[in-house]
Amino acid sequence: MALKPEELRYSETHEWVNITSEGSNKLATIGITKFAVEQLSNVVFMELPEVGQRVEVEEEFGEVESVKAVSPLYSPVQGEIVAVNKEIAKNLEILDSDPYNAGWLIKVRLTSDVGLSKLLDYTKYEQQCAQEG
């Protein structure tokens, strides 16, 4: 089932998050928003972490490089990375065409709910983008 931007949560640093439950575990799928991709324009390289790496809230987990700048990617959640989208590094155009589905970056098994309360809903995120844009 395709994710819709209205169903996701957002960090102030333009990462999107989709929280699902798998048994007793919460899983966060994380990517960067369409707004971020448009602001970067012409992404040329992406560095992503390895499976098994632990991340903390607001900690860098990788970076995205465009012809304009290199921008860090920040984790909006705390946990262990259980999947990394290796296709992105080979095909960065996915970020332009489908940032909310095929363009996911990492999946994190949450070890804490820390950070979840800071995430913005779609309406608040859209307001932030309008102020920045």
C-alpha atoms as a PDB file:
ATOM      1  CA  MET A   1       0.000   0.000   0.000  1.00  0.00           C
ATOM      2  CA  ALA A   2       1.443   3.349  -1.059  1.00  0.00           C
ATOM      3  CA  LEU A   3       2.163   5.914   1.622  1.00  0.00           C
ATOM      4  CA  LYS A   4       0.558   9.333   1.321  1.00  0.00           C
ATOM      5  CA  PRO A   5       2.331  12.439   2.651  1.00  0.00           C
ATOM      6  CA  GLU A   6      -0.751  13.245   4.788  1.00  0.00           C
ATOM      7  CA  GLU A   7      -0.279   9.959   6.712  1.00  0.00           C
ATOM      8  CA  LEU A   8       3.353  10.579   7.682  1.00  0.00           C
ATOM      9  CA  ARG A   9       5.089  12.477  10.478  1.00  0.00           C
ATOM     10  CA  TYR A  10       7.932  14.933   9.840  1.00  0.00           C
ATOM     11  CA  SER A  11      11.067  16.265  11.491  1.00  0.00           C
ATOM     12  CA  GLU A  12      11.962  19.946  11.300  1.00  0.00           C
ATOM     13  CA  THR A  13      15.039  18.877   9.303  1.00  0.00           C
ATOM     14  CA  HIS A  14      12.830  17.490   6.483  1.00  0.00           C
ATOM     15  CA  GLU A  15      12.938  13.760   7.150  1.00  0.00           C
ATOM     16  CA  TRP A  16       9.620  11.905   6.959  1.00  0.00           C
ATOM     17  CA  VAL A  17       8.732   9.006   9.252  1.00  0.00           C
ATOM     18  CA  ASN A  18       6.197   6.207   8.990  1.00  0.00           C
ATOM     19  CA  ILE A  19       5.738   4.213  12.222  1.00  0.00           C
ATOM     20  CA  THR A  20       4.382   0.670  11.988  1.00  0.00           C
ATOM     21  CA  SER A  21       4.174  -2.210  14.435  1.00  0.00           C
ATOM     22  CA  GLU A  22       5.709  -5.620  13.802  1.00  0.00           C
ATOM     23  CA  GLY A  23       4.729  -7.844  16.700  1.00  0.00           C
ATOM     24  CA  SER A  24       5.974  -6.149  19.856  1.00  0.00           C
ATOM     25  CA  ASN A  25       8.393  -3.935  17.892  1.00  0.00           C
ATOM     26  CA  LYS A  26       7.789  -0.492  16.444  1.00  0.00           C
ATOM     27  CA  LEU A  27       9.454   0.098  13.105  1.00  0.00           C
ATOM     28  CA  ALA A  28      10.181   3.551  11.669  1.00  0.00           C
ATOM     29  CA  THR A  29      10.661   3.914   7.930  1.00  0.00           C
ATOM     30  CA  ILE A  30      12.544   7.151   7.230  1.00  0.00           C
ATOM     31  CA  GLY A  31      13.144   9.171   4.075  1.00  0.00           C
ATOM     32  CA  ILE A  32      13.563  12.773   2.989  1.00  0.00           C
ATOM     33  CA  THR A  33      10.622  14.880   1.924  1.00  0.00           C
ATOM     34  CA  LYS A  34       9.728  16.116  -1.537  1.00  0.00           C
ATOM     35  CA  PHE A  35      10.348  19.662  -0.243  1.00  0.00           C
ATOM     36  CA  ALA A  36      13.911  18.682   0.768  1.00  0.00           C
ATOM     37  CA  VAL A  37      14.571  17.027  -2.586  1.00  0.00           C
ATOM     38  CA  GLU A  38      13.313  20.133  -4.412  1.00  0.00           C
ATOM     39  CA  GLN A  39      15.447  22.443  -2.229  1.00  0.00           C
ATOM     40  CA  LEU A  40      18.566  20.344  -2.828  1.00  0.00           C
ATOM     41  CA  SER A  41      17.876  19.988  -6.566  1.00  0.00           C
ATOM     42  CA  ASN A  42      20.049  17.678  -8.613  1.00  0.00           C
ATOM     43  CA  VAL A  43      21.143  15.127  -5.984  1.00  0.00           C
ATOM     44  CA  VAL A  44      24.427  13.523  -7.077  1.00  0.00           C
ATOM     45  CA  PHE A  45      25.414  11.294  -4.127  1.00  0.00           C
ATOM     46  CA  MET A  46      23.949   9.792  -0.981  1.00  0.00           C
ATOM     47  CA  GLU A  47      25.792   8.155   1.889  1.00  0.00           C
ATOM     48  CA  LEU A  48      23.716   5.816   4.043  1.00  0.00           C
ATOM     49  CA  PRO A  49      24.614   3.826   7.178  1.00  0.00           C
ATOM     50  CA  GLU A  50      25.000   0.083   7.611  1.00  0.00           C
ATOM     51  CA  VAL A  51      22.383  -2.322   8.956  1.00  0.00           C
ATOM     52  CA  GLY A  52      22.995  -2.879  12.659  1.00  0.00           C
ATOM     53  CA  GLN A  53      24.127   0.683  13.341  1.00  0.00           C
ATOM     54  CA  ARG A  54      22.367   2.386  16.253  1.00  0.00           C
ATOM     55  CA  VAL A  55      20.961   5.890  15.913  1.00  0.00           C
ATOM     56  CA  GLU A  56      19.883   8.497  18.433  1.00  0.00           C
ATOM     57  CA  VAL A  57      17.322  11.251  17.992  1.00  0.00           C
ATOM     58  CA  GLU A  58      18.762  14.175  15.990  1.00  0.00           C
ATOM     59  CA  GLU A  59      21.994  12.248  15.313  1.00  0.00           C
ATOM     60  CA  GLU A  60      23.455  12.232  11.793  1.00  0.00           C
ATOM     61  CA  PHE A  61      22.984   8.905  10.017  1.00  0.00           C
ATOM     62  CA  GLY A  62      24.204   9.854   6.550  1.00  0.00           C
ATOM     63  CA  GLU A  63      24.392  12.658   4.057  1.00  0.00           C
ATOM     64  CA  VAL A  64      22.987  13.747   0.759  1.00  0.00           C
ATOM     65  CA  GLU A  65      25.056  15.697  -1.742  1.00  0.00           C
ATOM     66  CA  SER A  66      23.697  17.881  -4.499  1.00  0.00           C
ATOM     67  CA  VAL A  67      25.399  20.224  -6.919  1.00  0.00           C
ATOM     68  CA  LYS A  68      24.529  22.978  -4.396  1.00  0.00           C
ATOM     69  CA  ALA A  69      25.652  21.521  -1.054  1.00  0.00           C
ATOM     70  CA  VAL A  70      26.236  18.535   1.186  1.00  0.00           C
ATOM     71  CA  SER A  71      23.465  18.124   3.758  1.00  0.00           C
ATOM     72  CA  PRO A  72      23.432  15.804   6.757  1.00  0.00           C
ATOM     73  CA  LEU A  73      20.571  13.365   7.295  1.00  0.00           C
ATOM     74  CA  TYR A  74      19.274  13.292  10.871  1.00  0.00           C
ATOM     75  CA  SER A  75      17.475  10.482  12.629  1.00  0.00           C
ATOM     76  CA  PRO A  76      14.124  11.554  14.059  1.00  0.00           C
ATOM     77  CA  VAL A  77      14.019   8.382  16.195  1.00  0.00           C
ATOM     78  CA  GLN A  78      16.172   6.215  18.460  1.00  0.00           C
ATOM     79  CA  GLY A  79      16.898   2.584  17.652  1.00  0.00           C
ATOM     80  CA  GLU A  80      18.745   0.076  15.511  1.00  0.00           C
ATOM     81  CA  ILE A  81      18.876   0.237  11.719  1.00  0.00           C
ATOM     82  CA  VAL A  82      17.366  -2.977  10.378  1.00  0.00           C
ATOM     83  CA  ALA A  83      17.235  -2.123   6.645  1.00  0.00           C
ATOM     84  CA  VAL A  84      18.928   0.281   4.240  1.00  0.00           C
ATOM     85  CA  ASN A  85      17.591   1.081   0.764  1.00  0.00           C
ATOM     86  CA  LYS A  86      20.635   0.221  -1.363  1.00  0.00           C
ATOM     87  CA  GLU A  87      18.718   1.038  -4.570  1.00  0.00           C
ATOM     88  CA  ILE A  88      18.797   4.754  -3.767  1.00  0.00           C
ATOM     89  CA  ALA A  89      22.588   4.994  -4.088  1.00  0.00           C
ATOM     90  CA  LYS A  90      22.379   3.375  -7.537  1.00  0.00           C
ATOM     91  CA  ASN A  91      19.337   5.344  -8.713  1.00  0.00           C
ATOM     92  CA  LEU A  92      19.045   8.777  -7.087  1.00  0.00           C
ATOM     93  CA  GLU A  93      16.217   9.726  -9.479  1.00  0.00           C
ATOM     94  CA  ILE A  94      13.906   7.689  -7.208  1.00  0.00           C
ATOM     95  CA  LEU A  95      14.058  10.615  -4.763  1.00  0.00           C
ATOM     96  CA  ASP A  96      12.525  12.903  -7.394  1.00  0.00           C
ATOM     97  CA  SER A  97       9.926  10.469  -8.674  1.00  0.00           C
ATOM     98  CA  ASP A  98       8.774   8.733  -5.466  1.00  0.00           C
ATOM     99  CA  PRO A  99      10.302  10.164  -2.258  1.00  0.00           C
ATOM    100  CA  TYR A 100       7.586   8.704   0.017  1.00  0.00           C
ATOM    101  CA  ASN A 101       7.577   5.092  -1.149  1.00  0.00           C
ATOM    102  CA  ALA A 102      10.422   3.741  -3.276  1.00  0.00           C
ATOM    103  CA  GLY A 103      12.561   6.609  -1.924  1.00  0.00           C
ATOM    104  CA  TRP A 104      12.701   5.408   1.685  1.00  0.00           C
ATOM    105  CA  LEU A 105      16.243   5.493   3.101  1.00  0.00           C
ATOM    106  CA  ILE A 106      16.405   3.424   6.295  1.00  0.00           C
ATOM    107  CA  LYS A 107      14.203   1.361   8.587  1.00  0.00           C
ATOM    108  CA  VAL A 108      14.820   1.584  12.326  1.00  0.00           C
ATOM    109  CA  ARG A 109      13.564  -0.754  15.058  1.00  0.00           C
ATOM    110  CA  LEU A 110      12.702   1.667  17.837  1.00  0.00           C
ATOM    111  CA  THR A 111      14.333   1.156  21.231  1.00  0.00           C
ATOM    112  CA  SER A 112      12.474   4.131  22.699  1.00  0.00           C
ATOM    113  CA  ASP A 113       9.619   6.490  21.868  1.00  0.00           C
ATOM    114  CA  VAL A 114      11.998   9.427  22.462  1.00  0.00           C
ATOM    115  CA  GLY A 115      11.640  11.886  19.622  1.00  0.00           C
ATOM    116  CA  LEU A 116       8.192  10.809  18.464  1.00  0.00           C
ATOM    117  CA  SER A 117       6.451  13.649  20.306  1.00  0.00           C
ATOM    118  CA  LYS A 118       8.635  16.198  18.435  1.00  0.00           C
ATOM    119  CA  LEU A 119       7.477  15.020  15.024  1.00  0.00           C
ATOM    120  CA  LEU A 120       5.178  17.307  13.064  1.00  0.00           C
ATOM    121  CA  ASP A 121       1.930  16.288  11.415  1.00  0.00           C
ATOM    122  CA  TYR A 122       1.399  17.054   7.728  1.00  0.00           C
ATOM    123  CA  THR A 123      -0.359  20.396   8.313  1.00  0.00           C
ATOM    124  CA  LYS A 124       2.358  21.727  10.638  1.00  0.00           C
ATOM    125  CA  TYR A 125       5.084  20.504   8.291  1.00  0.00           C
ATOM    126  CA  GLU A 126       3.423  22.219   5.317  1.00  0.00           C
ATOM    127  CA  GLN A 127       3.295  25.447   7.336  1.00  0.00           C
ATOM    128  CA  GLN A 128       7.021  25.134   8.103  1.00  0.00           C
ATOM    129  CA  CYS A 129       7.803  24.597   4.415  1.00  0.00           C
ATOM    130  CA  ALA A 130       5.719  27.629   3.421  1.00  0.00           C
ATOM    131  CA  GLN A 131       7.710  29.790   5.875  1.00  0.00           C
ATOM    132  CA  GLU A 132      11.037  28.431   4.562  1.00  0.00           C
ATOM    133  CA  GLY A 133      10.082  28.485   0.892  1.00  0.00           C
END
